[in-house]
């Protein structure tokens, strides 16, 4: 049996391991109708800021519009892939979305929501981060973005922290920073056309990631983008492990590069002497602003 609409006070917590602590009300959703609500959307209508929605096993054929500062938590006693939302999420506010399989796009339009421990696949893109958004994307599996083709897309004016995710099988980019800012740390990115792509003056930190088996470039920096690329392992990419072109910049240091590093004319990255390059280093840029100390 379930304890429905439980009011959690004084730092009360859900009994199951991995569940969210909250001082708000807890509502339970179950697709077969045997809980407080049959859909997440119905539960959201009744929620106020600070509440928690616990989603039980089942298939939810709905697009969830998260426009309140609430938590949506998959039942931590269930397998993630047993709790499926087929219509995706639109996040305008929100605290946390955790432990749910989302078989469509997650569209973050504003706010600082955290997306944690979800399986996200089969959307136009996996997660799209819009202007004025600053989500945390952590410990998810994001894969098979086959239409738009980006597992994670960050628009101009958007920001994101992207950490400890498994990102793979994108039609185009694992992570695409299109004029935004991203801290990209400790992710495993593989089997994409491009691993990480910065363009239109995108910036941020790329640190401690493993990037491999990409059809073109592991990391690609263009159009005045200026990320710090540090302590990554980039390998087995078919054209270049790292490619800097079209006035790209960036600081490239302390990386293990099992493949080639290419810098095209007009680009001015800073490349320090602690990179291990187990392939060809090709620099077309004769500018004195480009520094290569050693490899």
C-alpha atoms as a PDB file:
ATOM      1  CA  UNK A   1       0.000   0.000   0.000  1.00  0.00           C
ATOM      2  CA  UNK A   2       1.022   3.615  -0.518  1.00  0.00           C
ATOM      3  CA  UNK A   3       0.873   6.585   1.789  1.00  0.00           C
ATOM      4  CA  UNK A   4      -0.631   9.215  -0.516  1.00  0.00           C
ATOM      5  CA  UNK A   5      -0.446  12.992  -0.183  1.00  0.00           C
ATOM      6  CA  UNK A   6       1.891  12.643   2.787  1.00  0.00           C
ATOM      7  CA  UNK A   7       2.949  15.934   4.327  1.00  0.00           C
ATOM      8  CA  UNK A   8       6.671  15.817   5.064  1.00  0.00           C
ATOM      9  CA  UNK A   9       7.696  18.203   7.811  1.00  0.00           C
ATOM     10  CA  UNK A  10      10.919  19.037   9.564  1.00  0.00           C
ATOM     11  CA  UNK A  11      13.177  17.518   6.939  1.00  0.00           C
ATOM     12  CA  UNK A  12      11.143  14.336   6.645  1.00  0.00           C
ATOM     13  CA  UNK A  13      12.195  11.947   3.893  1.00  0.00           C
ATOM     14  CA  UNK A  14      10.864   9.227   1.671  1.00  0.00           C
ATOM     15  CA  UNK A  15      11.643   5.769   3.021  1.00  0.00           C
ATOM     16  CA  UNK A  16      13.240   4.389  -0.141  1.00  0.00           C
ATOM     17  CA  UNK A  17      16.950   4.774  -0.724  1.00  0.00           C
ATOM     18  CA  UNK A  18      17.759   7.421  -3.321  1.00  0.00           C
ATOM     19  CA  UNK A  19      14.517   9.342  -2.852  1.00  0.00           C
ATOM     20  CA  UNK A  20      14.304  13.085  -2.358  1.00  0.00           C
ATOM     21  CA  UNK A  21      14.111  14.839   0.997  1.00  0.00           C
ATOM     22  CA  UNK A  22      11.477  17.578   1.035  1.00  0.00           C
ATOM     23  CA  UNK A  23       9.451  19.774   3.369  1.00  0.00           C
ATOM     24  CA  UNK A  24       6.540  19.846   0.900  1.00  0.00           C
ATOM     25  CA  UNK A  25       3.738  17.474   0.092  1.00  0.00           C
ATOM     26  CA  UNK A  26       4.402  14.171  -1.621  1.00  0.00           C
ATOM     27  CA  UNK A  27       2.049  13.026  -4.372  1.00  0.00           C
ATOM     28  CA  UNK A  28       2.186   9.602  -5.982  1.00  0.00           C
ATOM     29  CA  UNK A  29       1.435   8.926  -9.651  1.00  0.00           C
ATOM     30  CA  UNK A  30       0.719   5.482 -11.073  1.00  0.00           C
ATOM     31  CA  UNK A  31      -0.346   4.775 -14.623  1.00  0.00           C
ATOM     32  CA  UNK A  32      -2.925   2.154 -13.623  1.00  0.00           C
ATOM     33  CA  UNK A  33      -4.853   4.684 -11.548  1.00  0.00           C
ATOM     34  CA  UNK A  34      -4.171   3.135  -8.148  1.00  0.00           C
ATOM     35  CA  UNK A  35      -2.473   6.209  -6.664  1.00  0.00           C
ATOM     36  CA  UNK A  36      -3.192   9.897  -6.094  1.00  0.00           C
ATOM     37  CA  UNK A  37      -3.018  10.617  -9.823  1.00  0.00           C
ATOM     38  CA  UNK A  38      -2.848   8.680 -13.073  1.00  0.00           C
ATOM     39  CA  UNK A  39      -0.713  11.241 -14.919  1.00  0.00           C
ATOM     40  CA  UNK A  40       2.170  13.505 -13.991  1.00  0.00           C
ATOM     41  CA  UNK A  41       0.335  16.438 -15.557  1.00  0.00           C
ATOM     42  CA  UNK A  42      -2.629  15.976 -13.213  1.00  0.00           C
ATOM     43  CA  UNK A  43      -0.285  15.848 -10.222  1.00  0.00           C
ATOM     44  CA  UNK A  44       1.413  19.076 -11.331  1.00  0.00           C
ATOM     45  CA  UNK A  45      -1.929  20.879 -11.381  1.00  0.00           C
ATOM     46  CA  UNK A  46      -2.310  20.193  -7.663  1.00  0.00           C
ATOM     47  CA  UNK A  47       1.289  20.859  -6.645  1.00  0.00           C
ATOM     48  CA  UNK A  48       2.772  24.004  -5.192  1.00  0.00           C
ATOM     49  CA  UNK A  49       6.433  24.980  -4.988  1.00  0.00           C
ATOM     50  CA  UNK A  50       8.464  22.586  -2.866  1.00  0.00           C
ATOM     51  CA  UNK A  51       6.260  19.529  -3.402  1.00  0.00           C
ATOM     52  CA  UNK A  52       7.479  16.119  -4.608  1.00  0.00           C
ATOM     53  CA  UNK A  53       5.835  13.916  -7.242  1.00  0.00           C
ATOM     54  CA  UNK A  54       6.803  10.257  -7.017  1.00  0.00           C
ATOM     55  CA  UNK A  55       6.223   8.397 -10.275  1.00  0.00           C
ATOM     56  CA  UNK A  56       5.597   4.652 -10.015  1.00  0.00           C
ATOM     57  CA  UNK A  57       6.169   1.986 -12.635  1.00  0.00           C
ATOM     58  CA  UNK A  58       4.315   2.453 -15.915  1.00  0.00           C
ATOM     59  CA  UNK A  59       4.149   4.146 -19.295  1.00  0.00           C
ATOM     60  CA  UNK A  60       3.053   7.796 -19.331  1.00  0.00           C
ATOM     61  CA  UNK A  61       1.982   9.003 -22.771  1.00  0.00           C
ATOM     62  CA  UNK A  62       2.123  12.717 -22.032  1.00  0.00           C
ATOM     63  CA  UNK A  63       4.305  15.789 -22.507  1.00  0.00           C
ATOM     64  CA  UNK A  64       5.154  17.049 -19.040  1.00  0.00           C
ATOM     65  CA  UNK A  65       5.282  20.853 -18.706  1.00  0.00           C
ATOM     66  CA  UNK A  66       7.203  21.612 -15.531  1.00  0.00           C
ATOM     67  CA  UNK A  67       6.260  25.173 -14.594  1.00  0.00           C
ATOM     68  CA  UNK A  68       6.537  24.983 -10.807  1.00  0.00           C
ATOM     69  CA  UNK A  69       9.519  24.550  -8.504  1.00  0.00           C
ATOM     70  CA  UNK A  70       8.781  20.943  -7.664  1.00  0.00           C
ATOM     71  CA  UNK A  71      10.642  17.641  -7.816  1.00  0.00           C
ATOM     72  CA  UNK A  72       9.593  14.781 -10.094  1.00  0.00           C
ATOM     73  CA  UNK A  73      11.189  11.581  -8.833  1.00  0.00           C
ATOM     74  CA  UNK A  74      10.948   8.117 -10.320  1.00  0.00           C
ATOM     75  CA  UNK A  75      10.267   5.470  -7.700  1.00  0.00           C
ATOM     76  CA  UNK A  76      13.808   4.510  -6.584  1.00  0.00           C
ATOM     77  CA  UNK A  77      12.736   0.900  -6.003  1.00  0.00           C
ATOM     78  CA  UNK A  78      12.030   0.513  -9.748  1.00  0.00           C
ATOM     79  CA  UNK A  79      14.336   0.210 -12.713  1.00  0.00           C
ATOM     80  CA  UNK A  80      14.579   3.540 -14.531  1.00  0.00           C
ATOM     81  CA  UNK A  81      13.459   1.996 -17.814  1.00  0.00           C
ATOM     82  CA  UNK A  82      10.242   0.743 -16.162  1.00  0.00           C
ATOM     83  CA  UNK A  83       9.077   4.360 -15.710  1.00  0.00           C
ATOM     84  CA  UNK A  84       8.673   5.788 -19.210  1.00  0.00           C
ATOM     85  CA  UNK A  85       7.454   9.230 -20.295  1.00  0.00           C
ATOM     86  CA  UNK A  86       6.909   9.170 -24.054  1.00  0.00           C
ATOM     87  CA  UNK A  87       6.082  12.833 -24.728  1.00  0.00           C
ATOM     88  CA  UNK A  88       9.145  14.472 -23.220  1.00  0.00           C
ATOM     89  CA  UNK A  89       9.523  17.367 -20.794  1.00  0.00           C
ATOM     90  CA  UNK A  90       9.312  21.140 -21.151  1.00  0.00           C
ATOM     91  CA  UNK A  91      11.045  22.736 -18.155  1.00  0.00           C
ATOM     92  CA  UNK A  92      10.191  26.353 -17.427  1.00  0.00           C
ATOM     93  CA  UNK A  93      10.970  26.071 -13.723  1.00  0.00           C
ATOM     94  CA  UNK A  94      11.601  23.029 -11.552  1.00  0.00           C
ATOM     95  CA  UNK A  95      13.977  21.736  -8.905  1.00  0.00           C
ATOM     96  CA  UNK A  96      14.772  18.188  -9.956  1.00  0.00           C
ATOM     97  CA  UNK A  97      13.766  15.515 -12.485  1.00  0.00           C
ATOM     98  CA  UNK A  98      15.292  12.198 -11.431  1.00  0.00           C
ATOM     99  CA  UNK A  99      15.210   8.519 -12.246  1.00  0.00           C
ATOM    100  CA  UNK A 100      12.838   8.464 -15.244  1.00  0.00           C
ATOM    101  CA  UNK A 101      13.170   7.118 -18.789  1.00  0.00           C
ATOM    102  CA  UNK A 102      12.225   9.907 -21.196  1.00  0.00           C
ATOM    103  CA  UNK A 103      11.652   8.690 -24.744  1.00  0.00           C
ATOM    104  CA  UNK A 104      11.540  12.184 -26.256  1.00  0.00           C
ATOM    105  CA  UNK A 105      13.240  15.574 -25.943  1.00  0.00           C
ATOM    106  CA  UNK A 106      13.836  17.465 -22.703  1.00  0.00           C
ATOM    107  CA  UNK A 107      13.385  21.152 -23.545  1.00  0.00           C
ATOM    108  CA  UNK A 108      14.798  23.453 -20.851  1.00  0.00           C
ATOM    109  CA  UNK A 109      13.432  26.910 -21.572  1.00  0.00           C
ATOM    110  CA  UNK A 110      14.339  28.724 -18.346  1.00  0.00           C
ATOM    111  CA  UNK A 111      15.422  28.147 -14.776  1.00  0.00           C
ATOM    112  CA  UNK A 112      18.017  26.006 -13.032  1.00  0.00           C
ATOM    113  CA  UNK A 113      16.457  22.552 -12.964  1.00  0.00           C
ATOM    114  CA  UNK A 114      18.635  19.498 -12.307  1.00  0.00           C
ATOM    115  CA  UNK A 115      18.207  16.484 -14.586  1.00  0.00           C
ATOM    116  CA  UNK A 116      19.706  13.495 -12.773  1.00  0.00           C
ATOM    117  CA  UNK A 117      19.862   9.767 -13.291  1.00  0.00           C
ATOM    118  CA  UNK A 118      17.486   9.669 -16.261  1.00  0.00           C
ATOM    119  CA  UNK A 119      17.594   7.665 -19.492  1.00  0.00           C
ATOM    120  CA  UNK A 120      16.898  10.119 -22.337  1.00  0.00           C
ATOM    121  CA  UNK A 121      16.571   8.901 -25.905  1.00  0.00           C
ATOM    122  CA  UNK A 122      14.744   9.071 -29.226  1.00  0.00           C
ATOM    123  CA  UNK A 123      13.972  12.805 -29.120  1.00  0.00           C
ATOM    124  CA  UNK A 124      14.569  15.415 -31.813  1.00  0.00           C
ATOM    125  CA  UNK A 125      17.521  16.264 -29.566  1.00  0.00           C
ATOM    126  CA  UNK A 126      18.180  14.736 -26.174  1.00  0.00           C
ATOM    127  CA  UNK A 127      18.289  17.902 -24.044  1.00  0.00           C
ATOM    128  CA  UNK A 128      17.974  21.441 -25.442  1.00  0.00           C
ATOM    129  CA  UNK A 129      19.082  24.319 -23.226  1.00  0.00           C
ATOM    130  CA  UNK A 130      17.664  27.705 -24.188  1.00  0.00           C
ATOM    131  CA  UNK A 131      18.747  31.269 -23.466  1.00  0.00           C
ATOM    132  CA  UNK A 132      18.551  32.248 -19.770  1.00  0.00           C
ATOM    133  CA  UNK A 133      18.600  28.602 -18.647  1.00  0.00           C
ATOM    134  CA  UNK A 134      21.268  27.143 -16.379  1.00  0.00           C
ATOM    135  CA  UNK A 135      20.524  23.463 -15.687  1.00  0.00           C
ATOM    136  CA  UNK A 136      22.669  20.808 -14.072  1.00  0.00           C
ATOM    137  CA  UNK A 137      22.740  17.608 -16.152  1.00  0.00           C
ATOM    138  CA  UNK A 138      24.294  14.834 -14.104  1.00  0.00           C
ATOM    139  CA  UNK A 139      24.596  11.040 -14.156  1.00  0.00           C
ATOM    140  CA  UNK A 140      22.212  10.468 -17.076  1.00  0.00           C
ATOM    141  CA  UNK A 141      22.332   8.188 -20.086  1.00  0.00           C
ATOM    142  CA  UNK A 142      21.587  10.363 -23.149  1.00  0.00           C
ATOM    143  CA  UNK A 143      21.575   8.577 -26.469  1.00  0.00           C
ATOM    144  CA  UNK A 144      20.072   7.946 -29.912  1.00  0.00           C
ATOM    145  CA  UNK A 145      19.164  11.520 -30.854  1.00  0.00           C
ATOM    146  CA  UNK A 146      18.349  10.764 -34.461  1.00  0.00           C
ATOM    147  CA  UNK A 147      16.430  13.763 -35.851  1.00  0.00           C
ATOM    148  CA  UNK A 148      17.971  17.088 -34.820  1.00  0.00           C
ATOM    149  CA  UNK A 149      20.867  14.919 -33.867  1.00  0.00           C
ATOM    150  CA  UNK A 150      22.380  16.445 -30.691  1.00  0.00           C
ATOM    151  CA  UNK A 151      22.366  14.606 -27.390  1.00  0.00           C
ATOM    152  CA  UNK A 152      22.796  17.979 -25.638  1.00  0.00           C
ATOM    153  CA  UNK A 153      22.355  21.362 -27.366  1.00  0.00           C
ATOM    154  CA  UNK A 154      23.118  24.679 -25.640  1.00  0.00           C
ATOM    155  CA  UNK A 155      21.851  27.820 -27.348  1.00  0.00           C
ATOM    156  CA  UNK A 156      23.392  31.288 -27.287  1.00  0.00           C
ATOM    157  CA  UNK A 157      22.829  32.772 -23.831  1.00  0.00           C
ATOM    158  CA  UNK A 158      22.274  29.361 -22.269  1.00  0.00           C
ATOM    159  CA  UNK A 159      24.498  27.774 -19.654  1.00  0.00           C
ATOM    160  CA  UNK A 160      24.825  24.237 -18.316  1.00  0.00           C
ATOM    161  CA  UNK A 161      26.818  22.008 -16.005  1.00  0.00           C
ATOM    162  CA  UNK A 162      27.177  18.603 -17.677  1.00  0.00           C
ATOM    163  CA  UNK A 163      28.832  15.988 -15.491  1.00  0.00           C
ATOM    164  CA  UNK A 164      29.270  12.213 -15.295  1.00  0.00           C
ATOM    165  CA  UNK A 165      26.877  11.342 -18.135  1.00  0.00           C
ATOM    166  CA  UNK A 166      26.989   8.529 -20.690  1.00  0.00           C
ATOM    167  CA  UNK A 167      26.433  10.271 -24.051  1.00  0.00           C
ATOM    168  CA  UNK A 168      26.385   8.240 -27.222  1.00  0.00           C
ATOM    169  CA  UNK A 169      24.850   7.386 -30.576  1.00  0.00           C
ATOM    170  CA  UNK A 170      23.951  10.940 -31.609  1.00  0.00           C
ATOM    171  CA  UNK A 171      23.277  11.446 -35.298  1.00  0.00           C
ATOM    172  CA  UNK A 172      25.441  14.602 -35.161  1.00  0.00           C
ATOM    173  CA  UNK A 173      26.866  15.965 -31.879  1.00  0.00           C
ATOM    174  CA  UNK A 174      27.293  14.478 -28.456  1.00  0.00           C
ATOM    175  CA  UNK A 175      27.364  18.017 -27.019  1.00  0.00           C
ATOM    176  CA  UNK A 176      26.800  21.130 -29.167  1.00  0.00           C
ATOM    177  CA  UNK A 177      27.616  24.509 -27.583  1.00  0.00           C
ATOM    178  CA  UNK A 178      26.191  27.081 -30.009  1.00  0.00           C
ATOM    179  CA  UNK A 179      27.203  30.401 -28.447  1.00  0.00           C
ATOM    180  CA  UNK A 180      26.441  29.255 -24.912  1.00  0.00           C
ATOM    181  CA  UNK A 181      28.615  28.317 -21.952  1.00  0.00           C
ATOM    182  CA  UNK A 182      29.115  24.791 -20.639  1.00  0.00           C
ATOM    183  CA  UNK A 183      31.140  23.090 -17.942  1.00  0.00           C
ATOM    184  CA  UNK A 184      31.593  19.579 -19.356  1.00  0.00           C
ATOM    185  CA  UNK A 185      33.265  17.241 -16.883  1.00  0.00           C
ATOM    186  CA  UNK A 186      33.826  13.510 -16.423  1.00  0.00           C
ATOM    187  CA  UNK A 187      31.472  12.402 -19.192  1.00  0.00           C
ATOM    188  CA  UNK A 188      31.852   9.392 -21.457  1.00  0.00           C
ATOM    189  CA  UNK A 189      31.067  10.427 -25.034  1.00  0.00           C
ATOM    190  CA  UNK A 190      31.240   7.920 -27.857  1.00  0.00           C
ATOM    191  CA  UNK A 191      29.798   6.776 -31.168  1.00  0.00           C
ATOM    192  CA  UNK A 192      28.713  10.245 -32.313  1.00  0.00           C
ATOM    193  CA  UNK A 193      29.558  12.093 -35.538  1.00  0.00           C
ATOM    194  CA  UNK A 194      31.237  14.849 -33.475  1.00  0.00           C
ATOM    195  CA  UNK A 195      31.979  14.418 -29.776  1.00  0.00           C
ATOM    196  CA  UNK A 196      31.904  18.033 -28.524  1.00  0.00           C
ATOM    197  CA  UNK A 197      31.361  21.010 -30.863  1.00  0.00           C
ATOM    198  CA  UNK A 198      31.885  24.665 -29.843  1.00  0.00           C
ATOM    199  CA  UNK A 199      30.852  27.399 -32.258  1.00  0.00           C
ATOM    200  CA  UNK A 200      29.729  31.071 -32.356  1.00  0.00           C
ATOM    201  CA  UNK A 201      31.992  32.112 -29.463  1.00  0.00           C
ATOM    202  CA  UNK A 202      30.958  29.271 -27.221  1.00  0.00           C
ATOM    203  CA  UNK A 203      33.006  28.870 -24.080  1.00  0.00           C
ATOM    204  CA  UNK A 204      33.402  26.812 -20.948  1.00  0.00           C
ATOM    205  CA  UNK A 205      35.484  24.037 -19.417  1.00  0.00           C
ATOM    206  CA  UNK A 206      35.972  20.589 -20.974  1.00  0.00           C
ATOM    207  CA  UNK A 207      37.702  18.522 -18.297  1.00  0.00           C
ATOM    208  CA  UNK A 208      38.275  14.879 -17.500  1.00  0.00           C
ATOM    209  CA  UNK A 209      36.068  13.443 -20.252  1.00  0.00           C
ATOM    210  CA  UNK A 210      36.612  10.280 -22.269  1.00  0.00           C
ATOM    211  CA  UNK A 211      35.734  10.886 -25.932  1.00  0.00           C
ATOM    212  CA  UNK A 212      36.107   8.090 -28.433  1.00  0.00           C
ATOM    213  CA  UNK A 213      34.865   6.391 -31.568  1.00  0.00           C
ATOM    214  CA  UNK A 214      33.575   9.540 -33.259  1.00  0.00           C
ATOM    215  CA  UNK A 215      33.095   9.508 -37.024  1.00  0.00           C
ATOM    216  CA  UNK A 216      34.880  12.851 -37.551  1.00  0.00           C
ATOM    217  CA  UNK A 217      36.289  14.886 -34.615  1.00  0.00           C
ATOM    218  CA  UNK A 218      36.370  14.228 -30.892  1.00  0.00           C
ATOM    219  CA  UNK A 219      36.460  17.957 -30.044  1.00  0.00           C
ATOM    220  CA  UNK A 220      35.817  20.640 -32.684  1.00  0.00           C
ATOM    221  CA  UNK A 221      36.242  24.383 -31.946  1.00  0.00           C
ATOM    222  CA  UNK A 222      35.318  27.117 -34.468  1.00  0.00           C
ATOM    223  CA  UNK A 223      34.090  30.718 -34.882  1.00  0.00           C
ATOM    224  CA  UNK A 224      35.878  32.432 -32.006  1.00  0.00           C
ATOM    225  CA  UNK A 225      34.948  29.834 -29.418  1.00  0.00           C
ATOM    226  CA  UNK A 226      37.348  29.761 -26.483  1.00  0.00           C
ATOM    227  CA  UNK A 227      36.954  26.749 -24.185  1.00  0.00           C
ATOM    228  CA  UNK A 228      39.515  25.326 -21.778  1.00  0.00           C
ATOM    229  CA  UNK A 229      40.214  21.713 -22.840  1.00  0.00           C
ATOM    230  CA  UNK A 230      42.018  19.953 -20.026  1.00  0.00           C
ATOM    231  CA  UNK A 231      42.830  16.408 -18.863  1.00  0.00           C
ATOM    232  CA  UNK A 232      40.632  14.629 -21.405  1.00  0.00           C
ATOM    233  CA  UNK A 233      41.254  11.278 -23.066  1.00  0.00           C
ATOM    234  CA  UNK A 234      40.402  11.607 -26.765  1.00  0.00           C
ATOM    235  CA  UNK A 235      40.924   8.579 -28.985  1.00  0.00           C
ATOM    236  CA  UNK A 236      39.907   6.562 -32.046  1.00  0.00           C
ATOM    237  CA  UNK A 237      38.195   9.404 -33.901  1.00  0.00           C
ATOM    238  CA  UNK A 238      38.292   8.875 -37.646  1.00  0.00           C
ATOM    239  CA  UNK A 239      39.551  12.294 -38.831  1.00  0.00           C
ATOM    240  CA  UNK A 240      41.049  14.301 -35.927  1.00  0.00           C
ATOM    241  CA  UNK A 241      40.934  13.843 -32.168  1.00  0.00           C
ATOM    242  CA  UNK A 242      40.891  17.648 -31.775  1.00  0.00           C
ATOM    243  CA  UNK A 243      40.264  20.153 -34.578  1.00  0.00           C
ATOM    244  CA  UNK A 244      40.560  23.962 -34.232  1.00  0.00           C
ATOM    245  CA  UNK A 245      39.500  25.984 -37.287  1.00  0.00           C
ATOM    246  CA  UNK A 246      37.608  29.084 -38.511  1.00  0.00           C
ATOM    247  CA  UNK A 247      39.222  31.440 -35.949  1.00  0.00           C
ATOM    248  CA  UNK A 248      38.761  29.018 -33.099  1.00  0.00           C
ATOM    249  CA  UNK A 249      40.706  29.588 -29.886  1.00  0.00           C
ATOM    250  CA  UNK A 250      40.922  27.659 -26.636  1.00  0.00           C
ATOM    251  CA  UNK A 251      43.498  26.432 -24.136  1.00  0.00           C
ATOM    252  CA  UNK A 252      44.532  22.820 -24.700  1.00  0.00           C
ATOM    253  CA  UNK A 253      46.506  21.274 -21.875  1.00  0.00           C
ATOM    254  CA  UNK A 254      47.259  18.005 -20.130  1.00  0.00           C
ATOM    255  CA  UNK A 255      45.236  15.861 -22.531  1.00  0.00           C
ATOM    256  CA  UNK A 256      45.853  12.332 -23.747  1.00  0.00           C
ATOM    257  CA  UNK A 257      45.288  12.605 -27.508  1.00  0.00           C
ATOM    258  CA  UNK A 258      45.431   9.252 -29.236  1.00  0.00           C
ATOM    259  CA  UNK A 259      45.065  10.589 -32.760  1.00  0.00           C
ATOM    260  CA  UNK A 260      45.795  13.831 -34.548  1.00  0.00           C
ATOM    261  CA  UNK A 261      45.523  17.444 -33.423  1.00  0.00           C
ATOM    262  CA  UNK A 262      44.878  19.933 -36.247  1.00  0.00           C
ATOM    263  CA  UNK A 263      44.992  23.730 -36.087  1.00  0.00           C
ATOM    264  CA  UNK A 264      43.868  25.512 -39.238  1.00  0.00           C
ATOM    265  CA  UNK A 265      45.126  28.866 -40.463  1.00  0.00           C
ATOM    266  CA  UNK A 266      43.672  31.831 -38.595  1.00  0.00           C
ATOM    267  CA  UNK A 267      43.013  29.913 -35.406  1.00  0.00           C
ATOM    268  CA  UNK A 268      44.941  30.805 -32.240  1.00  0.00           C
ATOM    269  CA  UNK A 269      44.678  28.154 -29.527  1.00  0.00           C
ATOM    270  CA  UNK A 270      47.177  27.892 -26.697  1.00  0.00           C
ATOM    271  CA  UNK A 271      48.641  24.371 -26.634  1.00  0.00           C
ATOM    272  CA  UNK A 272      50.925  23.584 -23.722  1.00  0.00           C
ATOM    273  CA  UNK A 273      53.751  21.101 -23.315  1.00  0.00           C
ATOM    274  CA  UNK A 274      51.845  18.603 -21.174  1.00  0.00           C
ATOM    275  CA  UNK A 275      49.602  17.167 -23.874  1.00  0.00           C
ATOM    276  CA  UNK A 276      50.468  13.645 -24.954  1.00  0.00           C
ATOM    277  CA  UNK A 277      49.809  13.487 -28.697  1.00  0.00           C
ATOM    278  CA  UNK A 278      50.086   9.960 -30.064  1.00  0.00           C
ATOM    279  CA  UNK A 279      49.451  10.997 -33.633  1.00  0.00           C
ATOM    280  CA  UNK A 280      50.103  13.837 -36.021  1.00  0.00           C
ATOM    281  CA  UNK A 281      50.229  17.474 -34.930  1.00  0.00           C
ATOM    282  CA  UNK A 282      49.376  19.730 -37.884  1.00  0.00           C
ATOM    283  CA  UNK A 283      49.446  23.515 -37.373  1.00  0.00           C
ATOM    284  CA  UNK A 284      48.767  25.723 -40.403  1.00  0.00           C
ATOM    285  CA  UNK A 285      48.760  28.890 -38.371  1.00  0.00           C
ATOM    286  CA  UNK A 286      51.898  30.975 -38.675  1.00  0.00           C
ATOM    287  CA  UNK A 287      50.655  33.622 -36.239  1.00  0.00           C
ATOM    288  CA  UNK A 288      53.002  34.387 -33.335  1.00  0.00           C
ATOM    289  CA  UNK A 289      49.924  34.368 -31.087  1.00  0.00           C
ATOM    290  CA  UNK A 290      49.725  30.611 -31.404  1.00  0.00           C
ATOM    291  CA  UNK A 291      51.858  28.872 -28.817  1.00  0.00           C
ATOM    292  CA  UNK A 292      53.070  25.300 -29.068  1.00  0.00           C
ATOM    293  CA  UNK A 293      55.620  24.694 -26.332  1.00  0.00           C
ATOM    294  CA  UNK A 294      56.100  20.977 -26.937  1.00  0.00           C
ATOM    295  CA  UNK A 295      54.207  17.735 -27.248  1.00  0.00           C
END
